[in-house]
Amino acid sequence: MKKLGQPALERISNSPLKIMKWITREKIKVDRVACPWLIRQFIDPQAEFLFLPHDTDWSKIDSGTVFDVPNCELGHNGQDVSFNSILKKYGLSDPALVLLGEIVRAADSHPRNPHSAGEGLRWIAHGFSELGLSDHKILEREFVVYDALYGECKRKLEKTFPRAKQISMFEIASTVH
């Protein structure tokens, strides 16, 4: 799928087809790669992603779900990054996803107590942005990084907390660093 500008956005809004669109800013890095991975894996396997210019008037978008843009429900809220906001909105409480959310938060923002894996994820994300790939190609290539991180989060939790399914997601997120 190509990057779409304002005229294409107008066609989507007026389209009789209601394919679920997830809309965010272009030039993706940490959170805007992590969120599409989360959405495809756990919310909407058929999701289509649109990457629009930073100066888009996000309030005029009336079709699709906007994420990781200023003043949106699925954006940064307090210490949470968009990944955390999506976890909460869709009731995703898998402890490994919560832990991955802490890593994404550490890589994408400046939390008080960052997860140590965040810095490495930040480096990977910025490295992908330097390859000159389109946003969709970055998703295609970088999703495997999130598959691997999610697998490691599950492994780490099973090793550290053998009864992880019975522990609060907040307890896990606050103790595994």
C-alpha atoms as a PDB file:
ATOM      1  CA  MET A   1       0.000   0.000   0.000  1.00  0.00           C
ATOM      2  CA  LYS A   2       1.315   3.453  -0.896  1.00  0.00           C
ATOM      3  CA  LYS A   3       1.466   6.400   1.422  1.00  0.00           C
ATOM      4  CA  LEU A   4      -1.725   8.391   0.976  1.00  0.00           C
ATOM      5  CA  GLY A   5      -2.162  12.141   1.069  1.00  0.00           C
ATOM      6  CA  GLN A   6      -5.234  14.257   1.807  1.00  0.00           C
ATOM      7  CA  PRO A   7      -7.117  13.462  -1.466  1.00  0.00           C
ATOM      8  CA  ALA A   8      -6.775   9.727  -0.797  1.00  0.00           C
ATOM      9  CA  LEU A   9      -7.933  10.263   2.777  1.00  0.00           C
ATOM     10  CA  GLU A  10     -11.071  11.965   1.443  1.00  0.00           C
ATOM     11  CA  ARG A  11     -11.731   8.967  -0.856  1.00  0.00           C
ATOM     12  CA  ILE A  12     -11.450   6.599   2.129  1.00  0.00           C
ATOM     13  CA  SER A  13     -13.845   8.695   4.211  1.00  0.00           C
ATOM     14  CA  ASN A  14     -16.440   8.684   1.425  1.00  0.00           C
ATOM     15  CA  SER A  15     -15.948   5.057   0.402  1.00  0.00           C
ATOM     16  CA  PRO A  16     -18.918   2.659   0.731  1.00  0.00           C
ATOM     17  CA  LEU A  17     -16.429  -0.068   1.700  1.00  0.00           C
ATOM     18  CA  LYS A  18     -15.730  -0.098   5.421  1.00  0.00           C
ATOM     19  CA  ILE A  19     -12.321  -1.761   5.589  1.00  0.00           C
ATOM     20  CA  MET A  20     -10.750  -1.023   8.966  1.00  0.00           C
ATOM     21  CA  LYS A  21      -8.066   1.593   8.563  1.00  0.00           C
ATOM     22  CA  TRP A  22      -5.561   2.517  11.234  1.00  0.00           C
ATOM     23  CA  ILE A  23      -4.120   5.969  10.667  1.00  0.00           C
ATOM     24  CA  THR A  24      -0.998   7.593  12.068  1.00  0.00           C
ATOM     25  CA  ARG A  25       1.924   9.842  11.212  1.00  0.00           C
ATOM     26  CA  GLU A  26       4.523   8.939   8.610  1.00  0.00           C
ATOM     27  CA  LYS A  27       8.247   8.346   9.246  1.00  0.00           C
ATOM     28  CA  ILE A  28       7.595   5.597  11.749  1.00  0.00           C
ATOM     29  CA  LYS A  29       9.933   4.545  14.514  1.00  0.00           C
ATOM     30  CA  VAL A  30       9.330   2.752  17.834  1.00  0.00           C
ATOM     31  CA  ASP A  31       5.690   3.259  18.870  1.00  0.00           C
ATOM     32  CA  ARG A  32       4.381   3.560  15.305  1.00  0.00           C
ATOM     33  CA  VAL A  33       5.908   0.161  14.491  1.00  0.00           C
ATOM     34  CA  ALA A  34       5.014  -1.508  17.801  1.00  0.00           C
ATOM     35  CA  CYS A  35       1.358  -0.456  17.548  1.00  0.00           C
ATOM     36  CA  PRO A  36       0.749  -1.922  14.073  1.00  0.00           C
ATOM     37  CA  TRP A  37       2.447  -5.141  15.231  1.00  0.00           C
ATOM     38  CA  LEU A  38       0.141  -5.262  18.278  1.00  0.00           C
ATOM     39  CA  ILE A  39      -2.934  -4.453  16.185  1.00  0.00           C
ATOM     40  CA  ARG A  40      -2.200  -7.127  13.560  1.00  0.00           C
ATOM     41  CA  GLN A  41      -1.293  -9.792  16.120  1.00  0.00           C
ATOM     42  CA  PHE A  42      -4.034  -9.269  18.724  1.00  0.00           C
ATOM     43  CA  ILE A  43      -6.788  -6.943  17.484  1.00  0.00           C
ATOM     44  CA  ASP A  44      -7.275  -6.811  13.719  1.00  0.00           C
ATOM     45  CA  PRO A  45      -5.320  -9.302  11.554  1.00  0.00           C
ATOM     46  CA  GLN A  46      -6.621  -7.616   8.380  1.00  0.00           C
ATOM     47  CA  ALA A  47      -5.681  -4.113   9.512  1.00  0.00           C
ATOM     48  CA  GLU A  48      -4.539  -1.641   6.903  1.00  0.00           C
ATOM     49  CA  PHE A  49      -2.255   1.189   7.925  1.00  0.00           C
ATOM     50  CA  LEU A  50      -2.151   4.680   6.481  1.00  0.00           C
ATOM     51  CA  PHE A  51       0.786   6.970   7.155  1.00  0.00           C
ATOM     52  CA  LEU A  52       0.005  10.633   6.706  1.00  0.00           C
ATOM     53  CA  PRO A  53       2.146  13.783   6.971  1.00  0.00           C
ATOM     54  CA  HIS A  54       2.808  15.214  10.436  1.00  0.00           C
ATOM     55  CA  ASP A  55       0.873  18.391   9.563  1.00  0.00           C
ATOM     56  CA  THR A  56      -2.379  16.490   8.851  1.00  0.00           C
ATOM     57  CA  ASP A  57      -5.440  17.930  10.585  1.00  0.00           C
ATOM     58  CA  TRP A  58      -6.177  14.804  12.637  1.00  0.00           C
ATOM     59  CA  SER A  59      -9.510  16.185  13.870  1.00  0.00           C
ATOM     60  CA  LYS A  60     -10.905  15.990  10.316  1.00  0.00           C
ATOM     61  CA  ILE A  61     -10.394  12.234  10.036  1.00  0.00           C
ATOM     62  CA  ASP A  62     -13.795  10.626  10.449  1.00  0.00           C
ATOM     63  CA  SER A  63     -13.101   7.175   9.078  1.00  0.00           C
ATOM     64  CA  GLY A  64     -10.687   4.701  10.585  1.00  0.00           C
ATOM     65  CA  THR A  65      -8.871   4.627  13.897  1.00  0.00           C
ATOM     66  CA  VAL A  66      -6.266   7.273  14.555  1.00  0.00           C
ATOM     67  CA  PHE A  67      -3.337   6.343  16.795  1.00  0.00           C
ATOM     68  CA  ASP A  68      -0.082   7.886  18.002  1.00  0.00           C
ATOM     69  CA  VAL A  69      -0.973  11.410  16.932  1.00  0.00           C
ATOM     70  CA  PRO A  70      -1.506  14.466  19.147  1.00  0.00           C
ATOM     71  CA  ASN A  71      -4.711  14.595  21.196  1.00  0.00           C
ATOM     72  CA  CYS A  72      -6.068  11.158  20.328  1.00  0.00           C
ATOM     73  CA  GLU A  73      -7.412   8.401  22.563  1.00  0.00           C
ATOM     74  CA  LEU A  74      -4.805   5.871  21.375  1.00  0.00           C
ATOM     75  CA  GLY A  75      -1.868   8.200  21.866  1.00  0.00           C
ATOM     76  CA  HIS A  76       0.529   9.204  24.598  1.00  0.00           C
ATOM     77  CA  ASN A  77      -1.321   9.722  27.865  1.00  0.00           C
ATOM     78  CA  GLY A  78       0.711  10.600  30.945  1.00  0.00           C
ATOM     79  CA  GLN A  79       3.562   8.076  31.170  1.00  0.00           C
ATOM     80  CA  ASP A  80       1.847   5.766  28.657  1.00  0.00           C
ATOM     81  CA  VAL A  81       2.845   5.608  25.019  1.00  0.00           C
ATOM     82  CA  SER A  82       0.349   4.612  22.326  1.00  0.00           C
ATOM     83  CA  PHE A  83       1.180   0.901  22.707  1.00  0.00           C
ATOM     84  CA  ASN A  84       0.110   1.096  26.383  1.00  0.00           C
ATOM     85  CA  SER A  85      -3.056   3.018  25.437  1.00  0.00           C
ATOM     86  CA  ILE A  86      -4.008   0.311  22.929  1.00  0.00           C
ATOM     87  CA  LEU A  87      -3.368  -2.440  25.495  1.00  0.00           C
ATOM     88  CA  LYS A  88      -5.743  -0.701  27.907  1.00  0.00           C
ATOM     89  CA  LYS A  89      -8.474   0.164  25.392  1.00  0.00           C
ATOM     90  CA  TYR A  90      -8.664  -3.392  24.044  1.00  0.00           C
ATOM     91  CA  GLY A  91      -8.258  -5.105  27.419  1.00  0.00           C
ATOM     92  CA  LEU A  92      -5.028  -6.865  26.451  1.00  0.00           C
ATOM     93  CA  SER A  93      -3.589  -7.984  29.764  1.00  0.00           C
ATOM     94  CA  ASP A  94      -1.196 -10.769  28.712  1.00  0.00           C
ATOM     95  CA  PRO A  95       1.756 -10.194  31.067  1.00  0.00           C
ATOM     96  CA  ALA A  96       4.231 -10.582  28.179  1.00  0.00           C
ATOM     97  CA  LEU A  97       2.451  -7.814  26.235  1.00  0.00           C
ATOM     98  CA  VAL A  98       2.493  -5.596  29.310  1.00  0.00           C
ATOM     99  CA  LEU A  99       6.226  -6.190  29.672  1.00  0.00           C
ATOM    100  CA  LEU A 100       6.737  -5.486  25.961  1.00  0.00           C
ATOM    101  CA  GLY A 101       4.745  -2.277  26.513  1.00  0.00           C
ATOM    102  CA  GLU A 102       7.249  -1.238  29.176  1.00  0.00           C
ATOM    103  CA  ILE A 103      10.103  -1.823  26.722  1.00  0.00           C
ATOM    104  CA  VAL A 104       8.325   0.183  24.014  1.00  0.00           C
ATOM    105  CA  ARG A 105       7.634   2.963  26.524  1.00  0.00           C
ATOM    106  CA  ALA A 106      11.319   3.062  27.513  1.00  0.00           C
ATOM    107  CA  ALA A 107      12.357   3.225  23.851  1.00  0.00           C
ATOM    108  CA  ASP A 108       9.794   5.819  22.775  1.00  0.00           C
ATOM    109  CA  SER A 109       9.634   8.216  25.704  1.00  0.00           C
ATOM    110  CA  HIS A 110      11.568   9.165  28.786  1.00  0.00           C
ATOM    111  CA  PRO A 111       9.890   7.352  31.690  1.00  0.00           C
ATOM    112  CA  ARG A 112      11.103   7.733  35.266  1.00  0.00           C
ATOM    113  CA  ASN A 113      12.166   4.090  35.544  1.00  0.00           C
ATOM    114  CA  PRO A 114      12.918   2.848  31.992  1.00  0.00           C
ATOM    115  CA  HIS A 115      13.223  -0.819  31.129  1.00  0.00           C
ATOM    116  CA  SER A 116      16.828  -1.620  30.212  1.00  0.00           C
ATOM    117  CA  ALA A 117      15.853  -3.214  26.876  1.00  0.00           C
ATOM    118  CA  GLY A 118      14.338   0.068  25.689  1.00  0.00           C
ATOM    119  CA  GLU A 119      17.634   1.595  24.592  1.00  0.00           C
ATOM    120  CA  GLY A 120      18.400  -1.335  22.286  1.00  0.00           C
ATOM    121  CA  LEU A 121      14.930  -1.174  20.756  1.00  0.00           C
ATOM    122  CA  ARG A 122      15.378   2.574  20.188  1.00  0.00           C
ATOM    123  CA  TRP A 123      18.651   1.891  18.339  1.00  0.00           C
ATOM    124  CA  ILE A 124      17.015  -0.774  16.173  1.00  0.00           C
ATOM    125  CA  ALA A 125      14.067   1.487  15.307  1.00  0.00           C
ATOM    126  CA  HIS A 126      16.304   4.398  14.383  1.00  0.00           C
ATOM    127  CA  GLY A 127      18.511   2.064  12.355  1.00  0.00           C
ATOM    128  CA  PHE A 128      15.516   0.930  10.306  1.00  0.00           C
ATOM    129  CA  SER A 129      14.558   4.555   9.666  1.00  0.00           C
ATOM    130  CA  GLU A 130      18.033   5.164   8.222  1.00  0.00           C
ATOM    131  CA  LEU A 131      17.646   2.419   5.583  1.00  0.00           C
ATOM    132  CA  GLY A 132      15.542   4.661   3.316  1.00  0.00           C
ATOM    133  CA  LEU A 133      12.584   2.264   3.312  1.00  0.00           C
ATOM    134  CA  SER A 134       8.932   3.212   3.043  1.00  0.00           C
ATOM    135  CA  ASP A 135       6.886   3.031   6.226  1.00  0.00           C
ATOM    136  CA  HIS A 136       5.161  -0.131   4.965  1.00  0.00           C
ATOM    137  CA  LYS A 137       8.504  -1.790   4.193  1.00  0.00           C
ATOM    138  CA  ILE A 138       9.726  -0.930   7.683  1.00  0.00           C
ATOM    139  CA  LEU A 139       6.643  -2.654   9.132  1.00  0.00           C
ATOM    140  CA  GLU A 140       7.201  -5.664   6.907  1.00  0.00           C
ATOM    141  CA  ARG A 141      10.819  -6.038   7.986  1.00  0.00           C
ATOM    142  CA  GLU A 142      10.638  -4.917  11.607  1.00  0.00           C
ATOM    143  CA  PHE A 143       7.615  -6.972  12.741  1.00  0.00           C
ATOM    144  CA  VAL A 144       9.992  -9.913  13.263  1.00  0.00           C
ATOM    145  CA  VAL A 145      11.830  -7.823  15.889  1.00  0.00           C
ATOM    146  CA  TYR A 146       8.569  -7.520  17.842  1.00  0.00           C
ATOM    147  CA  ASP A 147       7.827 -11.221  17.373  1.00  0.00           C
ATOM    148  CA  ALA A 148      11.232 -11.947  18.917  1.00  0.00           C
ATOM    149  CA  LEU A 149      10.803  -9.420  21.745  1.00  0.00           C
ATOM    150  CA  TYR A 150       7.365 -10.817  22.584  1.00  0.00           C
ATOM    151  CA  GLY A 151       8.810 -14.341  22.649  1.00  0.00           C
ATOM    152  CA  GLU A 152      11.614 -13.199  24.947  1.00  0.00           C
ATOM    153  CA  CYS A 153       9.140 -11.397  27.212  1.00  0.00           C
ATOM    154  CA  LYS A 154       7.143 -14.629  27.541  1.00  0.00           C
ATOM    155  CA  ARG A 155      10.291 -16.647  28.223  1.00  0.00           C
ATOM    156  CA  LYS A 156      11.581 -14.152  30.774  1.00  0.00           C
ATOM    157  CA  LEU A 157       8.261 -14.085  32.613  1.00  0.00           C
ATOM    158  CA  GLU A 158       7.925 -17.866  32.670  1.00  0.00           C
ATOM    159  CA  LYS A 159      11.431 -18.095  34.120  1.00  0.00           C
ATOM    160  CA  THR A 160      11.033 -15.233  36.617  1.00  0.00           C
ATOM    161  CA  PHE A 161       7.355 -15.694  37.491  1.00  0.00           C
ATOM    162  CA  PRO A 162       6.307 -19.332  36.932  1.00  0.00           C
ATOM    163  CA  ARG A 163       2.772 -18.379  37.997  1.00  0.00           C
ATOM    164  CA  ALA A 164       2.721 -15.233  35.794  1.00  0.00           C
ATOM    165  CA  LYS A 165      -0.879 -15.690  34.672  1.00  0.00           C
ATOM    166  CA  GLN A 166      -1.981 -15.171  38.293  1.00  0.00           C
ATOM    167  CA  ILE A 167       0.078 -12.027  38.874  1.00  0.00           C
ATOM    168  CA  SER A 168      -1.174  -8.539  38.168  1.00  0.00           C
ATOM    169  CA  MET A 169       0.195  -7.013  34.982  1.00  0.00           C
ATOM    170  CA  PHE A 170       1.274  -3.977  37.012  1.00  0.00           C
ATOM    171  CA  GLU A 171       3.246  -6.150  39.452  1.00  0.00           C
ATOM    172  CA  ILE A 172       5.115  -7.734  36.557  1.00  0.00           C
ATOM    173  CA  ALA A 173       5.788  -4.460  34.777  1.00  0.00           C
ATOM    174  CA  SER A 174       7.167  -2.885  37.943  1.00  0.00           C
ATOM    175  CA  THR A 175       9.522  -5.745  38.877  1.00  0.00           C
ATOM    176  CA  VAL A 176      11.081  -7.048  35.638  1.00  0.00           C
ATOM    177  CA  HIS A 177      13.904  -4.789  34.392  1.00  0.00           C
END
